N, C-alpha and C. Protein backbone atom coordinates (compact mmCIF):
# COMPACT_ATOMS: atom_id res chain seq x y z
N MET A 1 -10.82 8.75 -5.23
CA MET A 1 -10.83 8.60 -6.67
C MET A 1 -9.57 9.21 -7.29
N LYS A 2 -9.13 10.33 -6.70
CA LYS A 2 -7.93 10.99 -7.21
C LYS A 2 -6.71 10.09 -7.06
N THR A 3 -6.64 9.34 -5.95
CA THR A 3 -5.53 8.42 -5.72
C THR A 3 -5.52 7.33 -6.78
N VAL A 4 -6.70 6.79 -7.12
CA VAL A 4 -6.79 5.75 -8.14
C VAL A 4 -6.30 6.29 -9.47
N ALA A 5 -6.71 7.49 -9.84
CA ALA A 5 -6.28 8.09 -11.10
C ALA A 5 -4.77 8.31 -11.12
N ASN A 6 -4.22 8.78 -10.01
CA ASN A 6 -2.77 8.99 -9.93
C ASN A 6 -2.02 7.68 -10.07
N ARG A 7 -2.47 6.65 -9.38
CA ARG A 7 -1.79 5.35 -9.46
C ARG A 7 -1.91 4.75 -10.85
N PHE A 8 -3.08 4.91 -11.48
CA PHE A 8 -3.25 4.41 -12.83
C PHE A 8 -2.30 5.14 -13.78
N ALA A 9 -2.18 6.45 -13.63
CA ALA A 9 -1.28 7.23 -14.48
C ALA A 9 0.17 6.80 -14.28
N ILE A 10 0.57 6.60 -13.04
CA ILE A 10 1.94 6.15 -12.75
C ILE A 10 2.18 4.78 -13.35
N GLY A 11 1.22 3.87 -13.18
CA GLY A 11 1.35 2.53 -13.75
C GLY A 11 1.44 2.55 -15.26
N SER A 12 0.64 3.40 -15.90
CA SER A 12 0.68 3.51 -17.36
C SER A 12 2.02 4.03 -17.85
N VAL A 13 2.56 5.02 -17.16
CA VAL A 13 3.87 5.57 -17.53
C VAL A 13 4.96 4.52 -17.37
N LEU A 14 4.92 3.77 -16.26
CA LEU A 14 5.91 2.71 -16.04
C LEU A 14 5.81 1.63 -17.10
N LEU A 15 4.60 1.24 -17.46
CA LEU A 15 4.40 0.23 -18.49
C LEU A 15 4.94 0.73 -19.83
N ALA A 16 4.62 1.95 -20.21
CA ALA A 16 5.11 2.50 -21.47
C ALA A 16 6.63 2.61 -21.49
N THR A 17 7.22 3.04 -20.37
CA THR A 17 8.67 3.16 -20.27
C THR A 17 9.34 1.80 -20.40
N ALA A 18 8.81 0.81 -19.69
CA ALA A 18 9.38 -0.54 -19.76
C ALA A 18 9.28 -1.10 -21.17
N PHE A 19 8.15 -0.90 -21.82
CA PHE A 19 7.97 -1.40 -23.19
C PHE A 19 8.94 -0.71 -24.14
N ALA A 20 9.08 0.61 -24.03
CA ALA A 20 9.99 1.35 -24.91
C ALA A 20 11.44 0.95 -24.69
N ALA A 21 11.83 0.78 -23.44
CA ALA A 21 13.21 0.38 -23.13
C ALA A 21 13.49 -1.02 -23.65
N HIS A 22 12.53 -1.91 -23.49
CA HIS A 22 12.70 -3.28 -23.97
C HIS A 22 12.79 -3.31 -25.49
N ALA A 23 11.93 -2.55 -26.16
CA ALA A 23 11.92 -2.54 -27.62
C ALA A 23 13.20 -1.93 -28.18
N SER A 24 13.75 -0.91 -27.54
CA SER A 24 14.95 -0.28 -28.07
C SER A 24 16.20 -1.13 -27.86
N ASN A 25 16.19 -2.05 -26.91
CA ASN A 25 17.35 -2.89 -26.63
C ASN A 25 17.30 -4.22 -27.36
N ASN A 26 16.35 -4.40 -28.23
CA ASN A 26 16.14 -5.70 -28.82
C ASN A 26 16.00 -5.56 -30.34
N ASP A 27 16.79 -6.33 -31.10
CA ASP A 27 16.72 -6.27 -32.55
C ASP A 27 15.59 -7.13 -33.11
N LYS A 28 15.21 -8.17 -32.39
CA LYS A 28 14.15 -9.06 -32.87
C LYS A 28 12.78 -8.51 -32.47
N PRO A 29 11.72 -8.90 -33.19
CA PRO A 29 10.38 -8.43 -32.84
C PRO A 29 9.97 -8.91 -31.45
N THR A 30 9.21 -8.09 -30.77
CA THR A 30 8.74 -8.42 -29.43
C THR A 30 7.54 -9.35 -29.52
N ASP A 31 7.56 -10.43 -28.74
CA ASP A 31 6.41 -11.32 -28.62
C ASP A 31 5.45 -10.66 -27.64
N LEU A 32 4.28 -10.30 -28.13
CA LEU A 32 3.29 -9.59 -27.32
C LEU A 32 2.07 -10.47 -27.12
N ALA A 33 1.61 -10.57 -25.88
CA ALA A 33 0.37 -11.28 -25.56
C ALA A 33 -0.50 -10.35 -24.73
N VAL A 34 -1.79 -10.37 -25.02
CA VAL A 34 -2.76 -9.55 -24.30
C VAL A 34 -3.93 -10.44 -23.92
N GLY A 35 -4.46 -10.24 -22.70
CA GLY A 35 -5.57 -11.07 -22.28
C GLY A 35 -6.28 -10.55 -21.06
N LEU A 36 -7.15 -11.40 -20.52
CA LEU A 36 -7.90 -11.11 -19.31
C LEU A 36 -7.58 -12.16 -18.27
N ALA A 37 -7.64 -11.75 -17.01
CA ALA A 37 -7.34 -12.68 -15.92
C ALA A 37 -8.13 -12.29 -14.68
N VAL A 38 -8.16 -13.20 -13.76
CA VAL A 38 -8.63 -12.92 -12.41
C VAL A 38 -7.37 -12.97 -11.56
N ASP A 39 -6.83 -11.79 -11.25
CA ASP A 39 -5.59 -11.67 -10.48
C ASP A 39 -5.80 -10.58 -9.43
N GLN A 40 -5.83 -9.35 -9.87
CA GLN A 40 -6.19 -8.22 -9.01
C GLN A 40 -7.67 -7.95 -9.29
N GLN A 41 -8.51 -8.90 -8.94
CA GLN A 41 -9.91 -9.02 -9.36
C GLN A 41 -9.89 -9.16 -10.88
N LEU A 42 -10.87 -8.60 -11.60
CA LEU A 42 -10.86 -8.69 -13.06
C LEU A 42 -9.73 -7.81 -13.57
N SER A 43 -8.84 -8.39 -14.39
CA SER A 43 -7.61 -7.70 -14.77
C SER A 43 -7.32 -7.82 -16.26
N VAL A 44 -6.62 -6.83 -16.78
CA VAL A 44 -6.04 -6.88 -18.12
C VAL A 44 -4.59 -7.32 -17.96
N VAL A 45 -4.16 -8.24 -18.81
CA VAL A 45 -2.80 -8.77 -18.74
C VAL A 45 -2.08 -8.43 -20.04
N VAL A 46 -0.87 -7.89 -19.93
CA VAL A 46 -0.01 -7.65 -21.08
C VAL A 46 1.31 -8.35 -20.78
N GLU A 47 1.73 -9.21 -21.72
CA GLU A 47 2.96 -9.98 -21.50
C GLU A 47 3.91 -9.75 -22.67
N LEU A 48 5.17 -9.48 -22.36
CA LEU A 48 6.20 -9.25 -23.36
C LEU A 48 7.21 -10.39 -23.32
N ASP A 49 7.49 -10.96 -24.48
CA ASP A 49 8.51 -12.00 -24.65
C ASP A 49 8.37 -13.18 -23.67
N ASP A 50 7.15 -13.52 -23.31
CA ASP A 50 6.90 -14.64 -22.38
C ASP A 50 7.69 -14.49 -21.09
N GLN A 51 8.05 -13.26 -20.72
CA GLN A 51 8.90 -13.07 -19.55
C GLN A 51 8.46 -11.92 -18.65
N TYR A 52 7.89 -10.88 -19.20
CA TYR A 52 7.48 -9.71 -18.42
C TYR A 52 5.96 -9.60 -18.45
N ARG A 53 5.31 -9.80 -17.32
CA ARG A 53 3.85 -9.79 -17.25
C ARG A 53 3.36 -8.60 -16.42
N PHE A 54 2.56 -7.74 -17.05
CA PHE A 54 1.97 -6.57 -16.40
C PHE A 54 0.48 -6.83 -16.21
N ILE A 55 -0.03 -6.60 -15.02
CA ILE A 55 -1.43 -6.84 -14.69
C ILE A 55 -2.02 -5.57 -14.09
N ILE A 56 -3.12 -5.09 -14.65
CA ILE A 56 -3.84 -3.95 -14.10
C ILE A 56 -5.29 -4.37 -13.95
N GLY A 57 -5.80 -4.28 -12.72
CA GLY A 57 -7.16 -4.74 -12.47
C GLY A 57 -7.98 -3.81 -11.60
N ASN A 58 -9.18 -4.26 -11.29
CA ASN A 58 -10.10 -3.47 -10.46
C ASN A 58 -9.54 -3.20 -9.08
N GLN A 59 -8.82 -4.17 -8.53
CA GLN A 59 -8.34 -4.06 -7.16
C GLN A 59 -6.94 -3.45 -7.06
N GLY A 60 -6.13 -3.57 -8.11
CA GLY A 60 -4.77 -3.06 -8.04
C GLY A 60 -3.98 -3.42 -9.28
N ALA A 61 -2.66 -3.46 -9.13
CA ALA A 61 -1.77 -3.77 -10.24
C ALA A 61 -0.66 -4.69 -9.75
N ALA A 62 -0.05 -5.39 -10.70
CA ALA A 62 1.05 -6.29 -10.36
C ALA A 62 1.99 -6.38 -11.55
N PHE A 63 3.21 -6.79 -11.28
CA PHE A 63 4.20 -7.06 -12.30
C PHE A 63 4.92 -8.34 -11.92
N ASP A 64 5.06 -9.26 -12.87
CA ASP A 64 5.79 -10.50 -12.64
C ASP A 64 6.89 -10.64 -13.68
N TYR A 65 8.07 -10.99 -13.23
CA TYR A 65 9.19 -11.35 -14.10
C TYR A 65 9.28 -12.87 -14.07
N ILE A 66 9.07 -13.51 -15.21
CA ILE A 66 9.12 -14.97 -15.29
C ILE A 66 10.59 -15.36 -15.44
N ALA A 67 11.16 -15.90 -14.37
CA ALA A 67 12.60 -16.17 -14.32
C ALA A 67 12.99 -17.50 -14.94
N LYS A 68 12.15 -18.52 -14.79
CA LYS A 68 12.51 -19.86 -15.25
C LYS A 68 11.27 -20.55 -15.80
N THR A 69 11.41 -21.19 -16.95
CA THR A 69 10.31 -21.97 -17.54
C THR A 69 10.83 -23.35 -17.92
N GLY A 70 9.92 -24.27 -18.08
CA GLY A 70 10.29 -25.62 -18.49
C GLY A 70 9.07 -26.35 -19.01
N GLN A 71 9.30 -27.49 -19.63
CA GLN A 71 8.22 -28.31 -20.19
C GLN A 71 8.02 -29.55 -19.33
N PHE A 72 6.77 -29.95 -19.16
CA PHE A 72 6.49 -31.24 -18.55
C PHE A 72 6.70 -32.31 -19.60
N ASN A 73 7.06 -33.50 -19.19
CA ASN A 73 7.32 -34.60 -20.10
C ASN A 73 6.01 -35.29 -20.46
N THR A 74 5.16 -34.57 -21.21
CA THR A 74 3.88 -35.11 -21.65
C THR A 74 3.67 -34.77 -23.11
N GLU A 75 2.65 -35.37 -23.70
CA GLU A 75 2.30 -35.05 -25.08
C GLU A 75 1.51 -33.76 -25.17
N GLU A 76 0.97 -33.30 -24.05
CA GLU A 76 0.19 -32.06 -24.02
C GLU A 76 1.14 -30.85 -24.00
N PRO A 77 0.71 -29.73 -24.59
CA PRO A 77 1.55 -28.51 -24.61
C PRO A 77 1.46 -27.73 -23.29
N ILE A 78 2.00 -28.30 -22.23
CA ILE A 78 1.96 -27.68 -20.90
C ILE A 78 3.37 -27.31 -20.48
N GLU A 79 3.55 -26.07 -20.03
CA GLU A 79 4.84 -25.66 -19.50
C GLU A 79 4.65 -25.07 -18.11
N TRP A 80 5.68 -25.14 -17.29
CA TRP A 80 5.65 -24.58 -15.94
C TRP A 80 6.54 -23.34 -15.90
N TYR A 81 6.31 -22.50 -14.90
CA TYR A 81 7.15 -21.31 -14.74
C TYR A 81 7.23 -20.90 -13.28
N VAL A 82 8.32 -20.20 -12.98
CA VAL A 82 8.56 -19.62 -11.66
C VAL A 82 9.01 -18.18 -11.90
N GLY A 83 8.51 -17.28 -11.10
CA GLY A 83 8.87 -15.88 -11.30
C GLY A 83 9.05 -15.13 -10.00
N LEU A 84 9.26 -13.85 -10.13
CA LEU A 84 9.38 -12.94 -9.00
C LEU A 84 8.60 -11.69 -9.38
N GLY A 85 7.78 -11.21 -8.46
CA GLY A 85 6.93 -10.08 -8.81
C GLY A 85 6.63 -9.16 -7.65
N ALA A 86 5.88 -8.13 -7.97
CA ALA A 86 5.43 -7.15 -6.98
C ALA A 86 3.97 -6.85 -7.27
N TRP A 87 3.25 -6.44 -6.23
CA TRP A 87 1.84 -6.12 -6.39
C TRP A 87 1.48 -4.95 -5.48
N GLY A 88 0.41 -4.29 -5.83
CA GLY A 88 -0.10 -3.20 -5.02
C GLY A 88 -1.59 -3.07 -5.22
N GLU A 89 -2.31 -2.81 -4.15
CA GLU A 89 -3.75 -2.59 -4.23
C GLU A 89 -4.01 -1.10 -4.30
N TRP A 90 -5.12 -0.70 -4.89
CA TRP A 90 -5.42 0.72 -5.04
C TRP A 90 -5.65 1.38 -3.69
N ASP A 91 -6.31 0.70 -2.77
CA ASP A 91 -6.64 1.31 -1.48
C ASP A 91 -5.56 1.10 -0.43
N ASP A 92 -5.09 -0.11 -0.29
CA ASP A 92 -4.04 -0.41 0.69
C ASP A 92 -3.40 -1.74 0.33
N GLY A 93 -2.24 -1.96 0.86
CA GLY A 93 -1.55 -3.22 0.63
C GLY A 93 -0.61 -3.16 -0.56
N PHE A 94 0.60 -3.64 -0.34
CA PHE A 94 1.59 -3.79 -1.41
C PHE A 94 2.62 -4.78 -0.92
N GLY A 95 3.33 -5.38 -1.86
CA GLY A 95 4.36 -6.32 -1.45
C GLY A 95 4.99 -7.05 -2.62
N VAL A 96 5.64 -8.14 -2.30
CA VAL A 96 6.31 -8.97 -3.30
C VAL A 96 5.62 -10.32 -3.35
N ARG A 97 5.81 -11.03 -4.47
CA ARG A 97 5.20 -12.34 -4.64
C ARG A 97 6.09 -13.21 -5.51
N VAL A 98 5.90 -14.52 -5.41
CA VAL A 98 6.66 -15.49 -6.19
C VAL A 98 5.65 -16.38 -6.94
N PRO A 99 5.30 -16.04 -8.19
CA PRO A 99 4.32 -16.83 -8.92
C PRO A 99 4.89 -18.19 -9.36
N LEU A 100 4.12 -19.23 -9.12
CA LEU A 100 4.42 -20.59 -9.54
C LEU A 100 3.24 -21.04 -10.37
N GLY A 101 3.46 -21.29 -11.68
CA GLY A 101 2.29 -21.56 -12.51
C GLY A 101 2.54 -22.48 -13.67
N VAL A 102 1.46 -22.69 -14.43
CA VAL A 102 1.49 -23.50 -15.64
C VAL A 102 0.79 -22.75 -16.77
N ASN A 103 1.31 -22.94 -17.99
CA ASN A 103 0.69 -22.43 -19.21
C ASN A 103 0.22 -23.61 -20.03
N TYR A 104 -0.93 -23.48 -20.68
CA TYR A 104 -1.44 -24.52 -21.56
C TYR A 104 -1.79 -23.88 -22.90
N GLN A 105 -1.19 -24.39 -23.97
CA GLN A 105 -1.44 -23.87 -25.31
C GLN A 105 -2.74 -24.48 -25.82
N VAL A 106 -3.81 -23.68 -25.87
CA VAL A 106 -5.13 -24.16 -26.27
C VAL A 106 -5.18 -24.36 -27.78
N SER A 107 -4.76 -23.35 -28.53
CA SER A 107 -4.72 -23.41 -29.99
C SER A 107 -3.69 -22.39 -30.46
N GLN A 108 -3.55 -22.26 -31.76
CA GLN A 108 -2.56 -21.33 -32.30
C GLN A 108 -2.83 -19.92 -31.79
N GLY A 109 -1.90 -19.38 -31.01
CA GLY A 109 -2.02 -18.03 -30.49
C GLY A 109 -2.69 -17.93 -29.13
N TRP A 110 -3.54 -18.87 -28.77
CA TRP A 110 -4.28 -18.81 -27.50
C TRP A 110 -3.63 -19.66 -26.43
N GLN A 111 -3.51 -19.09 -25.25
CA GLN A 111 -2.89 -19.77 -24.12
C GLN A 111 -3.68 -19.44 -22.85
N ILE A 112 -3.86 -20.44 -22.00
CA ILE A 112 -4.46 -20.19 -20.69
C ILE A 112 -3.40 -20.48 -19.63
N TYR A 113 -3.54 -19.84 -18.48
CA TYR A 113 -2.56 -20.06 -17.42
C TYR A 113 -3.24 -20.02 -16.06
N GLY A 114 -2.58 -20.65 -15.13
CA GLY A 114 -3.00 -20.61 -13.73
C GLY A 114 -1.77 -20.57 -12.86
N GLN A 115 -1.87 -19.87 -11.75
CA GLN A 115 -0.71 -19.77 -10.86
C GLN A 115 -1.16 -19.58 -9.43
N VAL A 116 -0.30 -19.98 -8.53
CA VAL A 116 -0.43 -19.64 -7.11
C VAL A 116 0.83 -18.87 -6.75
N GLN A 117 0.71 -17.97 -5.78
CA GLN A 117 1.88 -17.19 -5.41
C GLN A 117 1.88 -16.89 -3.92
N PRO A 118 2.96 -17.27 -3.24
CA PRO A 118 3.15 -16.76 -1.89
C PRO A 118 3.34 -15.24 -1.99
N GLU A 119 2.67 -14.50 -1.10
CA GLU A 119 2.74 -13.04 -1.13
C GLU A 119 3.17 -12.50 0.23
N LEU A 120 4.09 -11.57 0.21
CA LEU A 120 4.51 -10.89 1.43
C LEU A 120 3.95 -9.48 1.39
N ASP A 121 2.94 -9.22 2.24
CA ASP A 121 2.31 -7.90 2.32
C ASP A 121 3.14 -7.04 3.26
N MET A 122 3.63 -5.91 2.77
CA MET A 122 4.50 -5.04 3.55
C MET A 122 3.81 -3.76 3.98
N HIS A 123 2.48 -3.71 3.85
CA HIS A 123 1.71 -2.53 4.26
C HIS A 123 1.35 -2.66 5.73
N LYS A 124 1.77 -1.74 6.54
CA LYS A 124 1.50 -1.74 8.00
C LYS A 124 2.04 -3.02 8.66
N GLY A 125 3.28 -3.35 8.38
CA GLY A 125 3.89 -4.55 8.95
C GLY A 125 4.12 -5.60 7.87
N TRP A 126 4.52 -6.77 8.31
CA TRP A 126 4.83 -7.87 7.40
C TRP A 126 3.81 -8.98 7.62
N GLU A 127 3.16 -9.39 6.54
CA GLU A 127 2.17 -10.46 6.64
C GLU A 127 2.32 -11.38 5.43
N LEU A 128 2.49 -12.66 5.69
CA LEU A 128 2.64 -13.65 4.63
C LEU A 128 1.28 -14.22 4.27
N GLY A 129 0.99 -14.27 2.98
CA GLY A 129 -0.28 -14.81 2.51
C GLY A 129 -0.07 -15.61 1.25
N ILE A 130 -1.15 -16.06 0.67
CA ILE A 130 -1.08 -16.79 -0.59
C ILE A 130 -2.16 -16.26 -1.51
N GLY A 131 -1.82 -16.14 -2.77
CA GLY A 131 -2.77 -15.66 -3.77
C GLY A 131 -2.80 -16.62 -4.94
N ALA A 132 -3.71 -16.37 -5.86
CA ALA A 132 -3.85 -17.21 -7.04
C ALA A 132 -4.33 -16.35 -8.20
N ALA A 133 -4.09 -16.83 -9.40
CA ALA A 133 -4.53 -16.12 -10.60
C ALA A 133 -4.81 -17.14 -11.69
N ALA A 134 -5.73 -16.79 -12.58
CA ALA A 134 -6.04 -17.60 -13.76
C ALA A 134 -6.38 -16.64 -14.88
N GLY A 135 -5.95 -16.98 -16.09
CA GLY A 135 -6.22 -16.08 -17.19
C GLY A 135 -6.06 -16.72 -18.55
N ALA A 136 -6.41 -15.94 -19.57
CA ALA A 136 -6.27 -16.36 -20.96
C ALA A 136 -5.58 -15.23 -21.71
N LYS A 137 -4.65 -15.60 -22.62
CA LYS A 137 -3.88 -14.61 -23.38
C LYS A 137 -3.88 -14.99 -24.86
N TYR A 138 -3.82 -13.97 -25.70
CA TYR A 138 -3.63 -14.18 -27.13
C TYR A 138 -2.27 -13.62 -27.52
N HIS A 139 -1.45 -14.44 -28.17
CA HIS A 139 -0.11 -14.02 -28.61
C HIS A 139 -0.17 -13.49 -30.04
N PHE A 140 0.35 -12.29 -30.22
CA PHE A 140 0.39 -11.67 -31.54
C PHE A 140 1.70 -11.98 -32.22
């Protein structure tokens, strides 16, 4: 339990530091989205400027940098994205991942997303796997 509390504290400090650094380097208001997802089991998602996604869940934590986005040529408000991220589980396991996903604008402010990500687990050797996530966010 002590390890979980320590990791949560470290994650909270990193999140606050990243948010403060981003806010101080930017003259325009920050686009903030908050939501729930199934990523590291049941998770809270905080996204800044549609580019920096922080996930803290029952099983662990993750961070994704959304590197490239684009629109599908449809009448529906669907966009795709590719990113680079890292993840860690509270008990064991950590590594890097490459999220490939889609966002769908449900209504004003509300967005749902789904992604799959190849994951490289670097805990006790190298193991390649695949993960998935789905969630809903509200943009402020």
